[in-house]
Amino acid sequence: MVVGPDQMFWDFGRGGQVVGLDWDVWMEFMAVAKSPESEPLVEEIAMWLGLHRPAKPDSPSTRASNLEAT
């Protein structure tokens, strides 16, 4: 694990799968495939995050939702 004032990188592995769960102030959270075997897992993580991450207050989808509610 690497932790600094503006970043954190932490690798997890099992067998041939290695996934990095990283965060920094520029990119925010990242799931990174560190081996070819871990690509399908990282794709599943990305899909899950896409479904469960709340929209930012100034995003177009939030503005559209706010317009529909009025």
C-alpha atoms as a PDB file:
ATOM      1  CA  MET A   1       0.000   0.000   0.000  1.00  0.00           C
ATOM      2  CA  VAL A   2       1.181   3.495  -0.832  1.00  0.00           C
ATOM      3  CA  VAL A   3      -0.435   6.414   0.969  1.00  0.00           C
ATOM      4  CA  GLY A   4       0.417  10.059   0.424  1.00  0.00           C
ATOM      5  CA  PRO A   5      -1.344  13.363   1.043  1.00  0.00           C
ATOM      6  CA  ASP A   6      -3.003  13.301  -2.401  1.00  0.00           C
ATOM      7  CA  GLN A   7      -3.087   9.593  -3.262  1.00  0.00           C
ATOM      8  CA  MET A   8      -3.588   6.016  -2.133  1.00  0.00           C
ATOM      9  CA  PHE A   9      -2.733   2.863  -4.081  1.00  0.00           C
ATOM     10  CA  TRP A  10      -3.559  -0.594  -2.742  1.00  0.00           C
ATOM     11  CA  ASP A  11      -3.144  -3.856  -4.669  1.00  0.00           C
ATOM     12  CA  PHE A  12      -5.117  -7.006  -3.918  1.00  0.00           C
ATOM     13  CA  GLY A  13      -4.416 -10.394  -5.417  1.00  0.00           C
ATOM     14  CA  ARG A  14      -5.661 -13.961  -5.527  1.00  0.00           C
ATOM     15  CA  GLY A  15      -4.028 -16.500  -7.771  1.00  0.00           C
ATOM     16  CA  GLY A  16      -3.308 -14.831 -11.098  1.00  0.00           C
ATOM     17  CA  GLN A  17      -5.716 -11.947 -10.466  1.00  0.00           C
ATOM     18  CA  VAL A  18      -4.269  -8.663  -9.215  1.00  0.00           C
ATOM     19  CA  VAL A  19      -6.468  -5.569  -8.885  1.00  0.00           C
ATOM     20  CA  GLY A  20      -5.394  -2.142  -7.718  1.00  0.00           C
ATOM     21  CA  LEU A  21      -7.903  -0.012  -5.830  1.00  0.00           C
ATOM     22  CA  ASP A  22      -6.462   3.454  -6.214  1.00  0.00           C
ATOM     23  CA  TRP A  23      -7.498   7.005  -5.359  1.00  0.00           C
ATOM     24  CA  ASP A  24      -5.964  10.376  -6.048  1.00  0.00           C
ATOM     25  CA  VAL A  25      -7.207  13.956  -6.067  1.00  0.00           C
ATOM     26  CA  TRP A  26      -7.200  14.166  -9.867  1.00  0.00           C
ATOM     27  CA  MET A  27      -8.863  10.902 -10.969  1.00  0.00           C
ATOM     28  CA  GLU A  28     -10.693  10.057  -7.708  1.00  0.00           C
ATOM     29  CA  PHE A  29     -11.399   6.300  -7.333  1.00  0.00           C
ATOM     30  CA  MET A  30      -9.960   3.820  -9.823  1.00  0.00           C
ATOM     31  CA  ALA A  31     -10.082   0.041 -10.109  1.00  0.00           C
ATOM     32  CA  VAL A  32      -7.046  -1.046 -12.131  1.00  0.00           C
ATOM     33  CA  ALA A  33      -6.432  -4.489 -13.655  1.00  0.00           C
ATOM     34  CA  LYS A  34      -2.813  -5.335 -12.889  1.00  0.00           C
ATOM     35  CA  SER A  35      -2.926  -8.675 -14.719  1.00  0.00           C
ATOM     36  CA  PRO A  36      -4.752  -9.971 -17.812  1.00  0.00           C
ATOM     37  CA  GLU A  37      -6.665 -12.452 -15.633  1.00  0.00           C
ATOM     38  CA  SER A  38      -8.194  -9.614 -13.604  1.00  0.00           C
ATOM     39  CA  GLU A  39      -9.692  -7.710 -16.577  1.00  0.00           C
ATOM     40  CA  PRO A  40     -13.169  -9.353 -16.296  1.00  0.00           C
ATOM     41  CA  LEU A  41     -13.297  -8.589 -12.558  1.00  0.00           C
ATOM     42  CA  VAL A  42     -12.388  -4.936 -13.105  1.00  0.00           C
ATOM     43  CA  GLU A  43     -15.072  -4.691 -15.805  1.00  0.00           C
ATOM     44  CA  GLU A  44     -17.627  -6.016 -13.282  1.00  0.00           C
ATOM     45  CA  ILE A  45     -16.404  -3.510 -10.680  1.00  0.00           C
ATOM     46  CA  ALA A  46     -16.813  -0.697 -13.249  1.00  0.00           C
ATOM     47  CA  MET A  47     -20.363  -1.775 -14.085  1.00  0.00           C
ATOM     48  CA  TRP A  48     -21.297  -1.970 -10.397  1.00  0.00           C
ATOM     49  CA  LEU A  49     -19.813   1.453  -9.694  1.00  0.00           C
ATOM     50  CA  GLY A  50     -21.628   2.902 -12.689  1.00  0.00           C
ATOM     51  CA  LEU A  51     -24.938   1.664 -11.324  1.00  0.00           C
ATOM     52  CA  HIS A  52     -24.367   2.692  -7.700  1.00  0.00           C
ATOM     53  CA  ARG A  53     -22.376   5.911  -7.851  1.00  0.00           C
ATOM     54  CA  PRO A  54     -24.536   8.971  -7.206  1.00  0.00           C
ATOM     55  CA  ALA A  55     -24.490  11.684  -9.841  1.00  0.00           C
ATOM     56  CA  LYS A  56     -22.523  14.819  -9.045  1.00  0.00           C
ATOM     57  CA  PRO A  57     -24.774  17.801  -8.242  1.00  0.00           C
ATOM     58  CA  ASP A  58     -23.751  19.695 -11.384  1.00  0.00           C
ATOM     59  CA  SER A  59     -23.937  16.778 -13.831  1.00  0.00           C
ATOM     60  CA  PRO A  60     -26.328  16.875 -16.818  1.00  0.00           C
ATOM     61  CA  SER A  61     -28.263  13.849 -15.513  1.00  0.00           C
ATOM     62  CA  THR A  62     -28.927  15.604 -12.204  1.00  0.00           C
ATOM     63  CA  ARG A  63     -30.079  18.781 -13.941  1.00  0.00           C
ATOM     64  CA  ALA A  64     -32.433  16.749 -16.134  1.00  0.00           C
ATOM     65  CA  SER A  65     -33.863  14.986 -13.075  1.00  0.00           C
ATOM     66  CA  ASN A  66     -34.383  18.311 -11.322  1.00  0.00           C
ATOM     67  CA  LEU A  67     -36.202  19.732 -14.356  1.00  0.00           C
ATOM     68  CA  GLU A  68     -38.480  16.681 -14.556  1.00  0.00           C
ATOM     69  CA  ALA A  69     -39.360  17.037 -10.849  1.00  0.00           C
ATOM     70  CA  THR A  70     -40.608  20.615 -11.251  1.00  0.00           C
END
